C-alpha atoms as a PDB file:
ATOM      1  CA  MET A   1     -71.814 -32.162 -22.712  1.00  0.00           C
ATOM      2  CA  LEU A   2     -74.290 -33.671 -20.364  1.00  0.00           C
ATOM      3  CA  ASP A   3     -71.442 -34.349 -17.935  1.00  0.00           C
ATOM      4  CA  LEU A   4     -70.569 -30.640 -17.853  1.00  0.00           C
ATOM      5  CA  ILE A   5     -73.977 -29.319 -17.288  1.00  0.00           C
ATOM      6  CA  ILE A   6     -74.361 -31.424 -14.231  1.00  0.00           C
ATOM      7  CA  LEU A   7     -71.226 -30.301 -12.691  1.00  0.00           C
ATOM      8  CA  SER A   8     -71.764 -26.655 -13.443  1.00  0.00           C
ATOM      9  CA  LEU A   9     -75.622 -27.097 -12.058  1.00  0.00           C
ATOM     10  CA  HIS A  10     -73.917 -29.368  -9.033  1.00  0.00           C
ATOM     11  CA  PHE A  11     -71.430 -26.408  -8.167  1.00  0.00           C
ATOM     12  CA  PHE A  12     -74.232 -23.812  -8.383  1.00  0.00           C
ATOM     13  CA  ILE A  13     -76.312 -25.934  -6.177  1.00  0.00           C
ATOM     14  CA  CYS A  14     -73.111 -26.258  -3.610  1.00  0.00           C
ATOM     15  CA  PHE A  15     -72.784 -22.394  -3.843  1.00  0.00           C
ATOM     16  CA  LEU A  16     -76.544 -21.502  -3.421  1.00  0.00           C
ATOM     17  CA  ILE A  17     -75.822 -23.836  -0.040  1.00  0.00           C
ATOM     18  CA  SER A  18     -73.207 -21.630   0.844  1.00  0.00           C
ATOM     19  CA  ILE A  19     -74.330 -18.921   0.574  1.00  0.00           C
ATOM     20  CA  ALA A  20     -78.118 -19.854   2.875  1.00  0.00           C
ATOM     21  CA  ILE A  21     -75.561 -21.346   5.325  1.00  0.00           C
ATOM     22  CA  TRP A  22     -73.400 -18.524   5.858  1.00  0.00           C
ATOM     23  CA  TYR A  23     -76.280 -15.894   5.751  1.00  0.00           C
ATOM     24  CA  GLY A  24     -78.479 -18.051   7.799  1.00  0.00           C
ATOM     25  CA  PRO A  25     -78.899 -17.951  11.472  1.00  0.00           C
ATOM     26  CA  LYS A  26     -75.855 -18.647  13.410  1.00  0.00           C
ATOM     27  CA  ASP A  27     -76.823 -19.732  16.769  1.00  0.00           C
ATOM     28  CA  VAL A  28     -79.652 -22.239  15.952  1.00  0.00           C
ATOM     29  CA  ASP A  29     -79.346 -25.713  17.241  1.00  0.00           C
ATOM     30  CA  SER A  30     -81.892 -28.587  16.643  1.00  0.00           C
ATOM     31  CA  HIS A  31     -81.574 -30.017  19.592  1.00  0.00           C
ATOM     32  CA  SER A  32     -82.339 -26.982  22.147  1.00  0.00           C
ATOM     33  CA  SER A  33     -78.669 -26.730  23.638  1.00  0.00           C
ATOM     34  CA  SER A  34     -77.410 -23.655  24.335  1.00  0.00           C
ATOM     35  CA  THR A  35     -74.003 -21.974  25.449  1.00  0.00           C
ATOM     36  CA  GLY A  36     -72.974 -22.252  28.744  1.00  0.00           C
ATOM     37  CA  GLY A  37     -71.840 -19.458  31.191  1.00  0.00           C
ATOM     38  CA  THR A  38     -68.784 -20.874  31.979  1.00  0.00           C
ATOM     39  CA  GLU A  39     -67.117 -19.657  35.561  1.00  0.00           C
ATOM     40  CA  MET A  40     -63.913 -20.590  36.568  1.00  0.00           C
ATOM     41  CA  GLN A  41     -63.871 -22.261  40.144  1.00  0.00           C
ATOM     42  CA  PRO A  42     -60.651 -22.318  43.347  1.00  0.00           C
ATOM     43  CA  ASP A  43     -60.351 -25.697  41.826  1.00  0.00           C
ATOM     44  CA  GLY A  44     -59.592 -24.917  38.546  1.00  0.00           C
ATOM     45  CA  LEU A  45     -63.023 -26.836  37.220  1.00  0.00           C
ATOM     46  CA  VAL A  46     -65.186 -24.966  34.839  1.00  0.00           C
ATOM     47  CA  PHE A  47     -68.833 -24.581  35.240  1.00  0.00           C
ATOM     48  CA  ILE A  48     -71.002 -25.768  32.669  1.00  0.00           C
ATOM     49  CA  GLY A  49     -74.197 -25.521  33.633  1.00  0.00           C
ATOM     50  CA  LYS A  50     -77.357 -27.074  35.959  1.00  0.00           C
ATOM     51  CA  GLU A  51     -77.018 -30.908  35.988  1.00  0.00           C
ATOM     52  CA  ASP A  52     -80.716 -31.368  35.255  1.00  0.00           C
ATOM     53  CA  ASP A  53     -80.876 -28.753  32.435  1.00  0.00           C
ATOM     54  CA  ILE A  54     -78.355 -30.242  30.679  1.00  0.00           C
ATOM     55  CA  LYS A  55     -80.106 -33.873  30.842  1.00  0.00           C
ATOM     56  CA  LYS A  56     -83.268 -32.117  29.701  1.00  0.00           C
ATOM     57  CA  SER A  57     -81.430 -30.636  26.854  1.00  0.00           C
ATOM     58  CA  GLN A  58     -79.199 -33.438  26.290  1.00  0.00           C
ATOM     59  CA  ARG A  59     -76.353 -31.265  25.154  1.00  0.00           C
ATOM     60  CA  ILE A  60     -74.806 -27.763  25.614  1.00  0.00           C
ATOM     61  CA  THR A  61     -71.735 -25.622  24.624  1.00  0.00           C
ATOM     62  CA  ALA A  62     -69.363 -23.739  26.247  1.00  0.00           C
ATOM     63  CA  LYS A  63     -66.334 -22.054  26.124  1.00  0.00           C
ATOM     64  CA  ILE A  64     -63.445 -22.312  27.934  1.00  0.00           C
ATOM     65  CA  ASP A  65     -60.252 -19.984  27.456  1.00  0.00           C
ATOM     66  CA  GLY A  66     -61.810 -19.231  24.360  1.00  0.00           C
ATOM     67  CA  ARG A  67     -62.133 -22.853  23.195  1.00  0.00           C
ATOM     68  CA  GLU A  68     -65.844 -24.043  22.286  1.00  0.00           C
ATOM     69  CA  ILE A  69     -66.763 -27.579  23.955  1.00  0.00           C
ATOM     70  CA  VAL A  70     -69.985 -29.835  23.950  1.00  0.00           C
ATOM     71  CA  VAL A  71     -71.359 -31.515  26.877  1.00  0.00           C
ATOM     72  CA  PHE A  72     -73.393 -34.441  25.726  1.00  0.00           C
ATOM     73  CA  TYR A  73     -75.851 -36.840  28.002  1.00  0.00           C
ATOM     74  CA  HIS A  74     -76.099 -39.381  26.601  1.00  0.00           C
ATOM     75  CA  GLU A  75     -77.728 -43.043  28.342  1.00  0.00           C
ATOM     76  CA  GLY A  76     -76.926 -41.999  31.792  1.00  0.00           C
ATOM     77  CA  LYS A  77     -73.154 -40.204  31.546  1.00  0.00           C
ATOM     78  CA  PHE A  78     -72.041 -36.879  30.680  1.00  0.00           C
ATOM     79  CA  HIS A  79     -69.496 -36.369  28.007  1.00  0.00           C
ATOM     80  CA  ALA A  80     -67.351 -33.955  26.784  1.00  0.00           C
ATOM     81  CA  LEU A  81     -65.053 -33.262  23.730  1.00  0.00           C
ATOM     82  CA  ASP A  82     -64.181 -30.428  21.452  1.00  0.00           C
ATOM     83  CA  SER A  83     -66.884 -29.148  20.179  1.00  0.00           C
ATOM     84  CA  ARG A  84     -65.171 -28.753  15.956  1.00  0.00           C
ATOM     85  CA  CYS A  85     -64.714 -32.057  14.651  1.00  0.00           C
ATOM     86  CA  TYR A  86     -60.833 -32.981  13.707  1.00  0.00           C
ATOM     87  CA  HIS A  87     -61.562 -33.328  10.070  1.00  0.00           C
ATOM     88  CA  GLU A  88     -62.154 -29.904   8.725  1.00  0.00           C
ATOM     89  CA  GLY A  89     -63.589 -28.135  11.715  1.00  0.00           C
ATOM     90  CA  GLY A  90     -67.297 -29.442  11.502  1.00  0.00           C
ATOM     91  CA  PRO A  91     -69.959 -28.463  14.597  1.00  0.00           C
ATOM     92  CA  LEU A  92     -70.149 -31.977  16.755  1.00  0.00           C
ATOM     93  CA  CYS A  93     -72.734 -29.798  18.698  1.00  0.00           C
ATOM     94  CA  ARG A  94     -74.949 -30.688  15.580  1.00  0.00           C
ATOM     95  CA  GLY A  95     -74.195 -34.325  15.046  1.00  0.00           C
ATOM     96  CA  GLU A  96     -76.664 -37.437  15.885  1.00  0.00           C
ATOM     97  CA  ILE A  97     -75.491 -39.607  18.288  1.00  0.00           C
ATOM     98  CA  GLU A  98     -74.971 -43.298  17.077  1.00  0.00           C
ATOM     99  CA  ASP A  99     -73.742 -46.803  18.696  1.00  0.00           C
ATOM    100  CA  ILE A 100     -71.196 -48.438  16.625  1.00  0.00           C
ATOM    101  CA  ASP A 101     -70.105 -51.427  17.301  1.00  0.00           C
ATOM    102  CA  GLY A 102     -71.227 -51.124  21.246  1.00  0.00           C
ATOM    103  CA  GLN A 103     -69.821 -47.503  21.372  1.00  0.00           C
ATOM    104  CA  ALA A 104     -71.982 -44.081  21.696  1.00  0.00           C
ATOM    105  CA  CYS A 105     -70.103 -41.976  18.871  1.00  0.00           C
ATOM    106  CA  ILE A 106     -71.625 -38.305  17.552  1.00  0.00           C
ATOM    107  CA  VAL A 107     -71.428 -38.400  13.717  1.00  0.00           C
ATOM    108  CA  CYS A 108     -70.267 -35.049  12.291  1.00  0.00           C
ATOM    109  CA  PRO A 109     -72.844 -33.231  10.478  1.00  0.00           C
ATOM    110  CA  TRP A 110     -70.655 -32.145   7.836  1.00  0.00           C
ATOM    111  CA  HIS A 111     -68.277 -35.535   6.333  1.00  0.00           C
ATOM    112  CA  ASN A 112     -69.961 -38.026   8.353  1.00  0.00           C
ATOM    113  CA  PHE A 113     -67.075 -39.023  10.726  1.00  0.00           C
ATOM    114  CA  LYS A 114     -67.633 -40.882  13.895  1.00  0.00           C
ATOM    115  CA  ILE A 115     -65.969 -40.463  17.154  1.00  0.00           C
ATOM    116  CA  THR A 116     -66.799 -41.818  20.103  1.00  0.00           C
ATOM    117  CA  LEU A 117     -67.780 -39.995  23.163  1.00  0.00           C
ATOM    118  CA  GLU A 118     -65.615 -42.316  25.492  1.00  0.00           C
ATOM    119  CA  THR A 119     -62.207 -42.372  24.007  1.00  0.00           C
ATOM    120  CA  GLY A 120     -62.210 -39.368  21.397  1.00  0.00           C
ATOM    121  CA  GLU A 121     -61.073 -42.230  19.008  1.00  0.00           C
ATOM    122  CA  GLY A 122     -61.887 -42.021  15.193  1.00  0.00           C
ATOM    123  CA  LEU A 123     -64.031 -44.866  13.897  1.00  0.00           C
ATOM    124  CA  TYR A 124     -63.985 -46.361  10.646  1.00  0.00           C
ATOM    125  CA  GLU A 125     -65.646 -49.054   8.750  1.00  0.00           C
ATOM    126  CA  GLY A 126     -63.038 -50.932   7.126  1.00  0.00           C
ATOM    127  CA  ILE A 127     -61.789 -54.579   5.507  1.00  0.00           C
ATOM    128  CA  ASN A 128     -58.893 -56.496   5.794  1.00  0.00           C
ATOM    129  CA  PRO A 129     -58.295 -58.076   2.460  1.00  0.00           C
ATOM    130  CA  GLN A 130     -55.908 -60.812   3.450  1.00  0.00           C
ATOM    131  CA  GLU A 131     -59.083 -62.813   4.844  1.00  0.00           C
ATOM    132  CA  PRO A 132     -60.460 -65.658   3.170  1.00  0.00           C
ATOM    133  CA  SER A 133     -63.871 -63.335   3.078  1.00  0.00           C
ATOM    134  CA  PRO A 134     -63.026 -60.526   3.782  1.00  0.00           C
ATOM    135  CA  THR A 135     -66.070 -58.431   6.162  1.00  0.00           C
ATOM    136  CA  PRO A 136     -66.041 -54.938   7.146  1.00  0.00           C
ATOM    137  CA  LYS A 137     -65.293 -53.717  10.548  1.00  0.00           C
ATOM    138  CA  TRP A 138     -64.894 -51.083  12.758  1.00  0.00           C
ATOM    139  CA  GLN A 139     -61.807 -49.961  13.209  1.00  0.00           C
ATOM    140  CA  SER A 140     -59.673 -47.257  15.298  1.00  0.00           C
ATOM    141  CA  LYS A 141     -58.221 -44.579  13.762  1.00  0.00           C
ATOM    142  CA  GLY A 142     -56.489 -43.306  16.956  1.00  0.00           C
ATOM    143  CA  VAL A 143     -57.743 -41.027  19.216  1.00  0.00           C
ATOM    144  CA  LYS A 144     -58.212 -38.007  17.332  1.00  0.00           C
ATOM    145  CA  GLN A 145     -60.906 -35.668  19.431  1.00  0.00           C
ATOM    146  CA  ARG A 146     -59.561 -34.028  22.695  1.00  0.00           C
ATOM    147  CA  ILE A 147     -62.254 -35.107  25.642  1.00  0.00           C
ATOM    148  CA  HIS A 148     -62.503 -33.280  28.386  1.00  0.00           C
ATOM    149  CA  LYS A 149     -63.035 -34.683  32.201  1.00  0.00           C
ATOM    150  CA  VAL A 150     -66.855 -34.090  33.326  1.00  0.00           C
ATOM    151  CA  THR A 151     -67.380 -33.440  37.318  1.00  0.00           C
ATOM    152  CA  ILE A 152     -70.862 -33.322  38.776  1.00  0.00           C
ATOM    153  CA  ASP A 153     -71.057 -32.128  42.329  1.00  0.00           C
ATOM    154  CA  ASN A 154     -74.195 -30.837  44.105  1.00  0.00           C
ATOM    155  CA  GLY A 155     -76.011 -30.956  40.951  1.00  0.00           C
ATOM    156  CA  ASN A 156     -73.924 -28.787  38.739  1.00  0.00           C
ATOM    157  CA  VAL A 157     -71.581 -29.777  35.782  1.00  0.00           C
ATOM    158  CA  TYR A 158     -67.740 -28.602  35.577  1.00  0.00           C
ATOM    159  CA  VAL A 159     -65.524 -29.780  33.021  1.00  0.00           C
ATOM    160  CA  SER A 160     -61.734 -29.639  33.531  1.00  0.00           C
ATOM    161  CA  PRO A 161     -59.526 -27.028  31.326  1.00  0.00           C
ATOM    162  CA  PRO A 162     -57.614 -28.899  28.560  1.00  0.00           C
ATOM    163  CA  ASP A 163     -53.908 -30.209  28.953  1.00  0.00           C
ATOM    164  CA  LEU A 164     -52.435 -28.486  26.095  1.00  0.00           C
ATOM    165  CA  SER A 165     -49.031 -30.334  26.715  1.00  0.00           C
ATOM    166  CA  VAL A 166     -50.473 -33.603  24.968  1.00  0.00           C
ATOM    167  CA  SER A 167     -51.821 -32.453  21.239  1.00  0.00           C
ATOM    168  CA  PHE A 168     -54.747 -34.152  19.653  1.00  0.00           C
ATOM    169  CA  ASP A 169     -56.191 -33.686  16.049  1.00  0.00           C
ATOM    170  CA  SER A 170     -58.802 -31.486  16.953  1.00  0.00           C
ATOM    171  CA  ASP A 171     -56.563 -28.884  18.554  1.00  0.00           C
ATOM    172  CA  TYR A 172     -56.197 -27.472  15.483  1.00  0.00           C
ATOM    173  CA  PHE A 173     -59.924 -26.587  14.408  1.00  0.00           C
ATOM    174  CA  ALA A 174     -60.001 -25.815  18.159  1.00  0.00           C
ATOM    175  CA  GLU A 175     -57.497 -23.099  17.810  1.00  0.00           C
ATOM    176  CA  LYS A 176     -59.248 -21.704  14.372  1.00  0.00           C
ATOM    177  CA  TYR A 177     -62.309 -21.261  15.780  1.00  0.00           C
ATOM    178  CA  LYS A 178     -61.021 -19.829  18.838  1.00  0.00           C
ATOM    179  CA  GLN A 179     -58.476 -17.041  17.112  1.00  0.00           C
ATOM    180  CA  GLY A 180     -61.241 -16.120  14.400  1.00  0.00           C
ATOM    181  CA  GLY A 181     -64.752 -17.560  15.553  1.00  0.00           C
ATOM    182  CA  GLU A 182     -67.486 -19.285  13.254  1.00  0.00           C
ATOM    183  CA  LEU A 183     -66.956 -16.738  10.669  1.00  0.00           C
ATOM    184  CA  ALA A 184     -63.533 -16.775   9.978  1.00  0.00           C
ATOM    185  CA  MET A 185     -63.689 -20.590   9.291  1.00  0.00           C
ATOM    186  CA  GLY A 186     -67.165 -21.252   7.718  1.00  0.00           C
ATOM    187  CA  LYS A 187     -66.868 -19.783   4.830  1.00  0.00           C
ATOM    188  CA  GLN A 188     -64.250 -22.354   3.687  1.00  0.00           C
ATOM    189  CA  SER A 189     -65.235 -25.189   5.747  1.00  0.00           C
ATOM    190  CA  HIS A 190     -69.136 -25.059   4.682  1.00  0.00           C
ATOM    191  CA  SER A 191     -68.039 -24.627   1.027  1.00  0.00           C
ATOM    192  CA  GLU A 192     -66.100 -27.428   1.161  1.00  0.00           C
ATOM    193  CA  ALA A 193     -68.356 -29.816   2.987  1.00  0.00           C
ATOM    194  CA  MET A 194     -70.603 -28.794  -0.042  1.00  0.00           C
ATOM    195  CA  GLU A 195     -68.193 -30.794  -2.636  1.00  0.00           C
END
């Protein structure tokens, strides 16, 4: 009986949190990032913003052909990747950057999935049970998140449009958010994230 009460309370709290997220502010970001105004250049690159502005804010989100991307400035380098996590579409623009096994990784705020900024690889910590004394080690799940090439020219930051001839796991959520926006995916993904 106590288990049933605890489970009911858990679902009720999850429901309240989902409502708060659903009706809460939509464009608030704790890292002061802003949405870049994108414009296509003659060479095909997309202007994202001024280098100094992105360095100050550490991150900026923008849309390229309707696809939401995030550009991070971390330890002297710019990195761009799809803004929606390959796992369930969590907003990577709101995640924290951590050093994992010598690699800068963005941690998805919904389910703590770790993705390298440099390559887009999903990382997990696992053990090899066949080792004499198995110890957890960080390993790659493979490249899951689409990254985008960043170009700096005369103080401006540009991103190359994605090469869609090669697919990545993050493409699914990039397309879902592109077609329906946050409201279409937000309710389902937020409630799943709370479970």
